[in-house]
């Protein structure tokens, strides 16, 4: 069960909200303003990223931020308002790895209800093997499948995405994978 979000005050009038079933027939408890009756919805956050590849290698970033400082991950982060999922994934790849890419198709859609997130990873062909990591990354490095530091990956979503990527590559065709992470 997901713990209720941090909404404490109405975004419209500032009154302290109460969590209850709205009077409109909704089936979920929501943050409702007792003063102006605004219903505040809490929806999952989208995490967008890429599986950047160079030949048979993939690019991983060593995290310089919490959570999971020092662990390896694919370049990814929270989608911003006003951008598409692909634009967000490309931006995160540039910010975290300083990698120049050509975006390709969606590879994985991973639901992580425990933390209220949906992760979307695209395949991305690297245009160069030179990287300029941003402040959130200690190191950006290419790995072949047998070199992946599987026990040092930061997130289960990254592991599941990499497993699907390498499996599809062996099959010679890529498909979209939908995965629920318990």
Protein backbone atom coordinates (compact mmCIF):
# COMPACT_ATOMS: atom_id res chain seq x y z
CA UNK A 1 0.00 0.00 0.00
CA UNK A 2 1.39 3.38 -1.03
CA UNK A 3 1.61 5.88 1.82
CA UNK A 4 -0.38 9.04 1.20
CA UNK A 5 1.53 11.87 -0.39
CA UNK A 6 2.73 15.10 1.14
CA UNK A 7 -0.26 17.33 0.32
CA UNK A 8 -0.97 19.28 3.49
CA UNK A 9 -2.51 22.52 2.22
CA UNK A 10 -4.77 23.49 -0.65
CA UNK A 11 -2.82 24.77 -3.66
CA UNK A 12 -5.67 27.19 -4.41
CA UNK A 13 -6.43 28.83 -1.06
CA UNK A 14 -3.89 27.52 1.47
CA UNK A 15 -6.37 25.87 3.85
CA UNK A 16 -5.25 22.60 5.48
CA UNK A 17 -6.68 19.70 3.45
CA UNK A 18 -8.41 16.62 4.80
CA UNK A 19 -8.12 13.15 3.30
CA UNK A 20 -11.53 11.66 2.54
CA UNK A 21 -13.68 10.28 -0.25
CA UNK A 22 -14.81 13.23 -2.37
CA UNK A 23 -18.55 13.76 -2.68
CA UNK A 24 -18.40 13.21 -6.46
CA UNK A 25 -18.58 9.40 -6.22
CA UNK A 26 -14.81 8.88 -6.32
CA UNK A 27 -13.59 5.55 -4.93
CA UNK A 28 -10.24 6.76 -3.52
CA UNK A 29 -9.41 8.97 -0.59
CA UNK A 30 -8.13 12.32 -1.85
CA UNK A 31 -6.78 15.51 -0.36
CA UNK A 32 -9.90 17.72 -0.27
CA UNK A 33 -9.99 21.36 0.75
CA UNK A 34 -12.79 21.94 3.29
CA UNK A 35 -12.85 25.67 2.41
CA UNK A 36 -13.00 25.78 -1.41
CA UNK A 37 -13.78 22.08 -2.13
CA UNK A 38 -10.79 21.64 -4.46
CA UNK A 39 -9.88 17.98 -4.88
CA UNK A 40 -6.12 17.39 -5.14
CA UNK A 41 -5.12 14.27 -7.06
CA UNK A 42 -1.85 12.47 -6.43
CA UNK A 43 -0.65 10.66 -9.53
CA UNK A 44 2.45 8.60 -10.28
CA UNK A 45 5.61 10.33 -11.37
CA UNK A 46 7.15 9.41 -14.71
CA UNK A 47 10.81 8.43 -14.78
CA UNK A 48 12.25 8.50 -18.31
CA UNK A 49 15.57 7.24 -19.56
CA UNK A 50 17.54 5.44 -22.20
CA UNK A 51 19.56 2.32 -22.88
CA UNK A 52 22.37 4.01 -24.80
CA UNK A 53 24.33 1.50 -26.85
CA UNK A 54 27.59 1.56 -28.79
CA UNK A 55 27.95 -1.60 -30.83
CA UNK A 56 27.51 -4.43 -28.34
CA UNK A 57 28.10 -2.24 -25.30
CA UNK A 58 25.69 -0.18 -23.18
CA UNK A 59 26.39 3.01 -21.30
CA UNK A 60 25.94 3.05 -17.53
CA UNK A 61 26.37 5.93 -15.10
CA UNK A 62 27.76 5.66 -11.57
CA UNK A 63 25.47 7.71 -9.31
CA UNK A 64 26.87 10.73 -7.47
CA UNK A 65 23.55 11.34 -5.65
CA UNK A 66 21.29 9.51 -3.25
CA UNK A 67 19.48 7.25 -3.31
CA UNK A 68 22.01 4.55 -4.06
CA UNK A 69 25.10 6.72 -4.31
CA UNK A 70 27.97 4.88 -6.04
CA UNK A 71 25.72 2.34 -7.75
CA UNK A 72 25.40 1.95 -11.53
CA UNK A 73 22.31 2.99 -13.46
CA UNK A 74 21.03 3.83 -16.88
CA UNK A 75 20.72 7.57 -17.52
CA UNK A 76 17.21 8.48 -16.37
CA UNK A 77 15.26 10.88 -14.22
CA UNK A 78 11.94 12.55 -13.65
CA UNK A 79 10.08 13.83 -16.67
CA UNK A 80 9.51 17.60 -16.72
CA UNK A 81 6.27 19.38 -17.57
CA UNK A 82 6.13 20.44 -21.20
CA UNK A 83 8.27 17.64 -22.60
CA UNK A 84 7.43 14.32 -24.21
CA UNK A 85 8.71 11.09 -22.69
CA UNK A 86 11.33 10.82 -25.46
CA UNK A 87 12.44 14.43 -24.97
CA UNK A 88 12.78 13.85 -21.24
CA UNK A 89 14.78 10.66 -21.78
CA UNK A 90 17.13 12.47 -24.19
CA UNK A 91 17.54 15.39 -21.75
CA UNK A 92 18.35 13.05 -18.86
CA UNK A 93 20.89 11.19 -21.02
CA UNK A 94 22.60 14.47 -21.85
CA UNK A 95 22.49 15.75 -18.24
CA UNK A 96 23.71 12.57 -16.59
CA UNK A 97 26.11 11.14 -19.17
CA UNK A 98 26.88 14.01 -21.52
CA UNK A 99 26.16 11.51 -24.29
CA UNK A 100 25.09 12.38 -27.81
CA UNK A 101 22.37 9.97 -28.96
CA UNK A 102 19.86 9.17 -31.63
CA UNK A 103 16.60 8.17 -29.97
CA UNK A 104 15.04 4.89 -31.01
CA UNK A 105 11.95 2.96 -29.92
CA UNK A 106 10.49 2.49 -26.48
CA UNK A 107 11.85 -0.67 -24.82
CA UNK A 108 10.32 -0.97 -21.35
CA UNK A 109 7.41 0.42 -19.36
CA UNK A 110 7.80 -0.49 -15.71
CA UNK A 111 5.12 0.18 -13.09
CA UNK A 112 6.47 0.68 -9.57
CA UNK A 113 3.31 1.28 -7.49
CA UNK A 114 5.13 1.00 -4.15
CA UNK A 115 6.82 4.35 -4.83
CA UNK A 116 4.18 5.82 -7.17
CA UNK A 117 6.31 5.79 -10.32
CA UNK A 118 6.19 4.61 -13.92
CA UNK A 119 9.58 4.15 -15.64
CA UNK A 120 9.92 4.35 -19.43
CA UNK A 121 13.19 3.41 -21.14
CA UNK A 122 14.03 3.97 -24.81
CA UNK A 123 16.81 2.45 -26.84
CA UNK A 124 19.27 5.11 -27.96
CA UNK A 125 22.14 4.73 -30.40
CA UNK A 126 25.24 6.54 -29.21
CA UNK A 127 26.75 8.86 -31.81
CA UNK A 128 30.12 8.95 -30.02
CA UNK A 129 31.96 6.98 -27.36
CA UNK A 130 33.01 10.19 -25.59
CA UNK A 131 30.99 11.31 -22.55
CA UNK A 132 30.87 14.40 -20.37
CA UNK A 133 28.97 13.39 -17.20
CA UNK A 134 27.10 16.01 -15.20
CA UNK A 135 27.26 16.59 -11.44
CA UNK A 136 24.88 13.68 -10.68
CA UNK A 137 27.32 11.16 -12.19
CA UNK A 138 30.70 10.03 -10.87
CA UNK A 139 31.58 8.13 -14.04
CA UNK A 140 29.94 7.19 -17.35
CA UNK A 141 31.26 3.99 -18.92
CA UNK A 142 30.51 1.43 -21.61
CA UNK A 143 29.95 -2.21 -20.61
CA UNK A 144 29.49 -5.37 -22.65
CA UNK A 145 26.83 -7.74 -21.30
CA UNK A 146 29.33 -9.93 -19.47
CA UNK A 147 30.94 -6.86 -17.84
CA UNK A 148 27.72 -5.38 -16.40
CA UNK A 149 28.12 -4.98 -12.61
CA UNK A 150 24.80 -6.77 -11.98
CA UNK A 151 25.24 -6.77 -8.18
CA UNK A 152 26.03 -3.04 -8.20
CA UNK A 153 22.99 -1.81 -10.15
CA UNK A 154 21.05 0.93 -8.39
CA UNK A 155 17.48 -0.08 -9.21
CA UNK A 156 15.45 -3.15 -10.11
CA UNK A 157 13.95 -1.24 -13.05
CA UNK A 158 17.45 -0.84 -14.52
CA UNK A 159 18.17 -4.55 -14.07
CA UNK A 160 14.89 -5.59 -15.70
CA UNK A 161 15.42 -3.18 -18.60
CA UNK A 162 18.96 -4.41 -19.24
CA UNK A 163 17.84 -8.05 -19.12
CA UNK A 164 15.15 -7.34 -21.74
CA UNK A 165 17.55 -5.33 -23.89
CA UNK A 166 20.17 -8.08 -24.07
CA UNK A 167 17.53 -10.79 -24.55
CA UNK A 168 15.95 -8.89 -27.45
CA UNK A 169 19.35 -8.17 -28.98
CA UNK A 170 20.14 -11.90 -28.99
CA UNK A 171 16.78 -12.58 -30.69
CA UNK A 172 17.55 -9.94 -33.31
CA UNK A 173 14.35 -7.98 -32.73
CA UNK A 174 13.21 -5.52 -30.11
CA UNK A 175 9.75 -5.26 -28.62
CA UNK A 176 8.10 -3.18 -25.91
CA UNK A 177 8.06 -4.91 -22.52
CA UNK A 178 5.59 -4.00 -19.78
CA UNK A 179 6.73 -5.03 -16.32
CA UNK A 180 5.24 -4.66 -12.84
CA UNK A 181 7.80 -4.25 -10.06
CA UNK A 182 6.40 -5.42 -6.73
